[in-house]
N, C-alpha and C. Protein backbone atom coordinates (compact mmCIF):
# COMPACT_ATOMS: atom_id res chain seq x y z
N MET A 1 -115.98 -14.48 51.44
CA MET A 1 -116.20 -15.58 52.44
C MET A 1 -114.99 -16.28 52.73
N ILE A 2 -115.04 -16.60 54.29
CA ILE A 2 -113.86 -17.34 54.89
C ILE A 2 -113.90 -18.80 55.29
N LEU A 3 -113.16 -19.51 54.85
CA LEU A 3 -113.51 -21.23 55.76
C LEU A 3 -112.32 -21.22 56.73
N GLY A 4 -113.08 -21.65 57.68
CA GLY A 4 -111.85 -22.07 58.78
C GLY A 4 -112.95 -23.13 60.00
N ALA A 5 -112.14 -23.10 61.04
CA ALA A 5 -112.84 -23.88 61.94
C ALA A 5 -114.23 -23.73 62.49
N LEU A 6 -115.01 -24.93 62.87
CA LEU A 6 -116.31 -23.72 63.32
C LEU A 6 -116.22 -23.09 64.80
N GLU A 7 -115.43 -23.50 65.70
CA GLU A 7 -114.85 -22.75 66.99
C GLU A 7 -114.34 -21.57 66.50
N GLU A 8 -113.73 -21.61 65.76
CA GLU A 8 -113.18 -20.18 65.03
C GLU A 8 -113.82 -19.32 64.44
N GLY A 9 -115.05 -19.43 64.21
CA GLY A 9 -116.13 -18.58 62.94
C GLY A 9 -116.12 -17.06 63.96
N HIS A 10 -116.54 -17.38 64.55
CA HIS A 10 -116.56 -15.70 65.06
C HIS A 10 -115.54 -15.08 65.18
N ALA A 11 -114.30 -15.47 65.78
CA ALA A 11 -113.27 -14.71 65.85
C ALA A 11 -112.72 -14.21 64.22
N ILE A 12 -112.92 -15.29 63.30
CA ILE A 12 -112.62 -14.88 62.01
C ILE A 12 -113.39 -13.60 61.48
N THR A 13 -114.67 -13.83 61.67
CA THR A 13 -115.38 -12.63 61.02
C THR A 13 -115.49 -11.42 61.82
N TYR A 14 -114.99 -11.48 63.51
CA TYR A 14 -114.73 -10.08 63.97
C TYR A 14 -113.08 -9.79 63.37
N LEU A 15 -112.43 -10.52 63.35
CA LEU A 15 -111.07 -10.00 63.00
C LEU A 15 -111.10 -9.62 61.33
N ALA A 16 -111.31 -10.46 60.70
CA ALA A 16 -111.44 -10.36 59.07
C ALA A 16 -112.19 -9.31 58.89
N LYS A 17 -113.41 -9.11 59.50
CA LYS A 17 -114.41 -8.36 58.97
C LYS A 17 -114.96 -8.72 57.71
N ASP A 18 -115.31 -10.05 57.69
CA ASP A 18 -115.76 -10.71 56.70
C ASP A 18 -116.79 -11.85 56.96
N LYS A 19 -117.48 -12.39 56.37
CA LYS A 19 -118.06 -13.58 56.64
C LYS A 19 -117.40 -14.81 56.69
N ASN A 20 -117.95 -16.02 57.53
CA ASN A 20 -117.21 -16.87 57.37
C ASN A 20 -118.13 -18.00 57.07
N VAL A 21 -117.80 -19.43 56.28
CA VAL A 21 -118.80 -20.45 56.00
C VAL A 21 -119.64 -20.73 57.34
N PHE A 22 -119.03 -20.85 58.65
CA PHE A 22 -120.11 -21.53 59.67
C PHE A 22 -119.43 -21.05 60.81
N ASP A 23 -120.00 -20.97 61.74
CA ASP A 23 -119.68 -20.69 63.39
C ASP A 23 -120.53 -21.51 64.14
N THR A 24 -120.73 -21.33 65.31
CA THR A 24 -121.72 -21.92 66.45
C THR A 24 -123.23 -21.55 65.96
N ASN A 25 -123.15 -20.32 65.49
CA ASN A 25 -124.59 -19.59 64.99
C ASN A 25 -125.39 -20.67 63.84
N PHE A 26 -124.29 -21.27 63.21
CA PHE A 26 -124.58 -22.06 61.66
C PHE A 26 -125.67 -23.03 62.11
N LEU A 27 -125.59 -23.93 63.35
CA LEU A 27 -126.14 -24.73 63.66
C LEU A 27 -127.94 -24.60 63.56
N PHE A 28 -128.14 -23.30 63.50
CA PHE A 28 -129.43 -23.12 63.58
C PHE A 28 -130.02 -22.96 62.22
N ALA A 29 -129.14 -22.66 61.31
CA ALA A 29 -129.42 -22.53 59.72
C ALA A 29 -130.12 -23.64 59.01
N GLU A 30 -130.61 -23.17 58.25
CA GLU A 30 -131.15 -24.60 57.04
C GLU A 30 -130.15 -25.02 56.56
N GLU A 31 -129.85 -26.72 56.33
CA GLU A 31 -129.04 -27.41 55.48
C GLU A 31 -127.77 -27.40 56.41
N ALA A 32 -127.74 -27.19 57.79
CA ALA A 32 -126.46 -27.36 58.58
C ALA A 32 -125.63 -28.48 58.51
N ALA A 33 -126.43 -29.62 58.52
CA ALA A 33 -125.69 -31.12 58.42
C ALA A 33 -124.94 -30.89 56.79
N GLU A 34 -125.43 -30.38 55.98
CA GLU A 34 -124.86 -30.60 54.73
C GLU A 34 -123.92 -29.71 54.56
N ARG A 35 -123.78 -28.32 55.19
CA ARG A 35 -122.69 -27.57 55.37
C ARG A 35 -121.82 -27.82 55.88
N LEU A 36 -122.05 -28.60 57.07
CA LEU A 36 -120.65 -29.29 58.05
C LEU A 36 -120.17 -30.36 57.24
N SER A 37 -121.00 -31.29 56.27
CA SER A 37 -120.35 -32.39 55.51
C SER A 37 -119.63 -32.02 54.46
N ASP A 38 -120.03 -30.52 53.69
CA ASP A 38 -119.24 -29.77 52.66
C ASP A 38 -118.01 -29.49 53.13
N VAL A 39 -117.84 -28.74 54.38
CA VAL A 39 -116.64 -28.10 54.80
C VAL A 39 -115.82 -29.28 55.00
N LYS A 40 -115.82 -30.17 55.84
CA LYS A 40 -115.41 -31.63 55.86
C LYS A 40 -114.27 -32.04 54.48
N LYS A 41 -115.52 -32.15 53.48
CA LYS A 41 -115.00 -32.60 51.97
C LYS A 41 -113.82 -31.88 51.89
N ILE A 42 -114.24 -30.28 51.94
CA ILE A 42 -113.47 -29.70 51.41
C ILE A 42 -112.09 -29.51 52.14
N TYR A 43 -111.88 -29.72 53.19
CA TYR A 43 -110.74 -30.00 53.94
C TYR A 43 -109.73 -31.32 53.76
N THR A 44 -110.68 -32.14 53.43
CA THR A 44 -110.11 -33.68 53.30
C THR A 44 -109.99 -34.43 52.06
N THR A 45 -110.77 -33.89 51.08
CA THR A 45 -110.72 -34.46 49.72
C THR A 45 -109.29 -34.09 48.77
N ASN A 46 -109.06 -35.30 48.10
CA ASN A 46 -108.20 -35.45 47.46
C ASN A 46 -108.49 -34.74 45.88
N SER A 47 -109.42 -34.65 45.51
CA SER A 47 -110.38 -34.09 44.57
C SER A 47 -110.51 -32.66 44.25
N ARG A 48 -109.31 -32.38 43.53
CA ARG A 48 -109.40 -30.88 43.21
C ARG A 48 -110.84 -30.22 42.53
N ILE A 49 -111.14 -31.16 42.06
CA ILE A 49 -112.70 -30.66 41.17
C ILE A 49 -114.00 -30.68 42.24
N GLU A 50 -113.84 -31.44 43.27
CA GLU A 50 -114.93 -31.69 44.00
C GLU A 50 -114.71 -30.53 45.01
N ALA A 51 -113.57 -30.06 45.63
CA ALA A 51 -113.14 -28.88 46.52
C ALA A 51 -113.33 -27.85 46.05
N ILE A 52 -113.33 -27.37 44.46
CA ILE A 52 -113.42 -26.23 43.91
C ILE A 52 -115.08 -25.97 43.62
N GLU A 53 -115.63 -26.79 43.44
CA GLU A 53 -117.26 -26.92 43.30
C GLU A 53 -117.72 -26.69 45.18
N LEU A 54 -117.18 -27.11 45.86
CA LEU A 54 -117.76 -26.70 47.30
C LEU A 54 -117.04 -25.15 47.47
N LEU A 55 -115.93 -24.90 47.15
CA LEU A 55 -115.73 -23.52 47.36
C LEU A 55 -116.47 -22.77 46.57
N ASP A 56 -116.71 -22.80 45.50
CA ASP A 56 -117.60 -21.71 44.66
C ASP A 56 -119.04 -21.99 45.28
N LYS A 57 -119.50 -23.23 45.56
CA LYS A 57 -120.64 -23.24 46.05
C LYS A 57 -121.18 -22.30 47.61
N TYR A 58 -120.21 -21.94 48.19
CA TYR A 58 -120.00 -21.11 49.38
C TYR A 58 -119.62 -19.93 49.29
N ASN A 59 -118.79 -19.57 48.05
CA ASN A 59 -118.26 -18.14 47.77
C ASN A 59 -116.89 -18.13 48.46
N VAL A 60 -116.10 -19.12 48.62
CA VAL A 60 -114.84 -18.69 49.85
C VAL A 60 -113.76 -18.13 48.88
N ASP A 61 -113.33 -17.39 49.48
CA ASP A 61 -112.27 -16.22 48.87
C ASP A 61 -110.86 -16.76 49.53
N TYR A 62 -110.94 -16.82 50.99
CA TYR A 62 -109.79 -17.50 51.89
C TYR A 62 -110.07 -18.97 52.62
N ILE A 63 -108.91 -19.58 52.53
CA ILE A 63 -108.91 -20.84 53.61
C ILE A 63 -108.08 -20.42 54.82
N ILE A 64 -108.46 -20.96 55.85
CA ILE A 64 -107.41 -20.94 57.17
C ILE A 64 -107.45 -22.33 57.22
N VAL A 65 -105.99 -22.72 57.58
CA VAL A 65 -105.65 -23.94 58.27
C VAL A 65 -105.08 -23.93 59.01
N SER A 66 -105.71 -24.06 60.21
CA SER A 66 -105.17 -23.59 61.47
C SER A 66 -104.85 -25.20 62.32
N HIS A 67 -104.23 -24.98 63.25
CA HIS A 67 -104.04 -26.46 64.33
C HIS A 67 -105.46 -27.16 64.50
N LYS A 68 -106.37 -25.87 64.72
CA LYS A 68 -107.73 -26.58 65.11
C LYS A 68 -108.36 -27.48 64.17
N VAL A 69 -107.85 -26.63 62.82
CA VAL A 69 -108.61 -27.57 61.56
C VAL A 69 -107.81 -28.70 61.55
N LYS A 70 -106.30 -28.71 61.19
CA LYS A 70 -105.81 -29.96 61.67
C LYS A 70 -106.14 -30.73 62.46
N GLU A 71 -106.34 -30.69 63.63
CA GLU A 71 -106.85 -31.61 64.55
C GLU A 71 -108.24 -31.87 64.42
N ASP A 72 -109.40 -31.20 64.16
CA ASP A 72 -110.81 -31.77 63.78
C ASP A 72 -110.73 -32.26 62.42
N TYR A 73 -110.01 -32.39 61.62
CA TYR A 73 -110.27 -33.05 60.31
C TYR A 73 -109.01 -34.40 60.19
N GLN A 74 -108.30 -34.15 60.85
CA GLN A 74 -106.90 -35.39 60.79
C GLN A 74 -106.27 -35.20 59.86
N ILE A 75 -105.54 -33.66 59.41
CA ILE A 75 -104.77 -33.34 58.34
C ILE A 75 -103.47 -32.97 58.39
N LYS A 76 -102.69 -32.76 57.65
CA LYS A 76 -101.56 -32.04 57.79
C LYS A 76 -101.41 -30.80 56.98
N ASN A 77 -102.18 -31.06 55.64
CA ASN A 77 -102.10 -29.73 54.66
C ASN A 77 -103.66 -30.22 53.89
N LEU A 78 -103.90 -29.07 53.18
CA LEU A 78 -104.57 -29.36 52.22
C LEU A 78 -104.30 -30.42 51.15
N TYR A 79 -104.95 -31.48 50.89
CA TYR A 79 -104.47 -32.06 50.03
C TYR A 79 -104.74 -31.89 48.41
N PHE A 80 -105.72 -31.11 48.10
CA PHE A 80 -105.88 -30.62 46.53
C PHE A 80 -105.44 -29.59 46.26
N ARG A 81 -104.28 -28.81 47.24
CA ARG A 81 -103.47 -27.41 47.06
C ARG A 81 -102.61 -27.55 45.84
N ASP A 82 -102.63 -26.74 45.02
CA ASP A 82 -101.39 -26.45 43.92
C ASP A 82 -101.68 -24.85 43.60
N GLU A 83 -100.40 -24.42 43.43
CA GLU A 83 -100.14 -23.07 43.23
C GLU A 83 -100.95 -22.51 42.20
N ASP A 84 -101.35 -23.23 41.26
CA ASP A 84 -102.60 -22.31 40.23
C ASP A 84 -103.87 -22.26 40.85
N CYS A 85 -104.17 -23.18 41.75
CA CYS A 85 -105.27 -23.01 42.46
C CYS A 85 -105.34 -21.90 43.75
N LEU A 86 -104.40 -22.28 44.66
CA LEU A 86 -104.43 -21.94 46.19
C LEU A 86 -103.09 -21.22 45.84
N ASN A 87 -103.05 -19.50 46.60
CA ASN A 87 -101.83 -18.95 46.89
C ASN A 87 -101.78 -19.17 48.32
N LYS A 88 -100.33 -19.52 48.96
CA LYS A 88 -100.74 -19.01 50.22
C LYS A 88 -100.36 -17.64 50.60
N VAL A 89 -100.91 -16.77 51.36
CA VAL A 89 -100.89 -15.47 51.80
C VAL A 89 -100.27 -15.50 52.96
N TYR A 90 -100.10 -16.40 53.86
CA TYR A 90 -99.91 -16.23 55.29
C TYR A 90 -99.23 -17.53 55.69
N ARG A 91 -98.17 -17.61 56.21
CA ARG A 91 -97.71 -18.79 57.09
C ARG A 91 -97.23 -18.69 58.07
N GLY A 92 -97.63 -19.12 59.28
CA GLY A 92 -97.30 -19.15 60.73
C GLY A 92 -97.88 -20.31 61.73
N GLU A 93 -98.32 -19.83 62.82
CA GLU A 93 -99.03 -21.21 63.46
C GLU A 93 -100.59 -21.39 62.77
N VAL A 94 -100.73 -20.25 61.81
CA VAL A 94 -102.05 -20.92 60.76
C VAL A 94 -101.61 -20.64 59.47
N GLU A 95 -102.10 -21.22 58.38
CA GLU A 95 -101.56 -21.04 56.97
C GLU A 95 -103.32 -20.39 56.43
N ILE A 96 -103.08 -19.54 55.54
CA ILE A 96 -104.33 -18.86 55.05
C ILE A 96 -103.88 -18.90 53.46
N TYR A 97 -104.79 -19.18 52.87
CA TYR A 97 -104.82 -19.50 51.19
C TYR A 97 -105.60 -18.78 50.57
N LYS A 98 -105.38 -17.92 49.68
CA LYS A 98 -106.01 -17.34 48.78
C LYS A 98 -106.74 -18.22 47.68
N ASN A 99 -108.33 -18.33 47.69
CA ASN A 99 -109.03 -18.90 46.42
C ASN A 99 -108.86 -18.53 45.08
N ASN A 100 -108.33 -18.95 44.23
CA ASN A 100 -108.28 -18.55 42.94
C ASN A 100 -108.36 -19.92 41.71
N CYS A 101 -109.07 -20.59 42.65
CA CYS A 101 -109.76 -22.08 41.79
C CYS A 101 -110.60 -21.71 41.00
N LEU A 102 -110.89 -22.28 39.65
CA LEU A 102 -111.70 -21.85 38.86
C LEU A 102 -112.10 -23.13 38.20
N ILE A 103 -113.31 -23.57 37.98
CA ILE A 103 -113.63 -24.64 37.00
C ILE A 103 -113.96 -24.01 35.70
N ARG A 104 -113.19 -24.51 34.75
CA ARG A 104 -113.36 -24.39 33.35
C ARG A 104 -114.13 -25.13 32.45
N VAL A 105 -115.29 -24.42 32.08
CA VAL A 105 -116.09 -25.57 31.14
C VAL A 105 -115.69 -25.10 29.84
N LEU A 106 -115.77 -26.50 29.39
CA LEU A 106 -115.25 -26.37 27.82
C LEU A 106 -116.11 -26.34 27.06
N ALA A 107 -116.05 -25.58 25.82
CA ALA A 107 -117.72 -25.62 24.56
C ALA A 107 -117.32 -26.97 24.14
N THR A 108 -118.49 -27.36 23.59
CA THR A 108 -118.38 -28.73 23.08
C THR A 108 -118.70 -28.51 21.55
């Protein structure tokens, strides 16, 4: 699953030959408002744990940070990113990150 800007969803699906978290058709899906809110949180949160939980919720493998994403969410980059969690696999006009984030549950 790939996370990108709403308006870029159809192009992501076509070019990547993979599903995306949302595109303009998602507006007809159940829980559309929740999904929209969750995506905004992923792109804007400072909390690594919150971001990882949401990435896991939607089974996100790749995150695209395009000019449109930066504009829509008023960000310069992902605030929760770190090398252990996200690997930058492409850098150009867009940045693409591979999600390697894990939540480790410690036994008590």
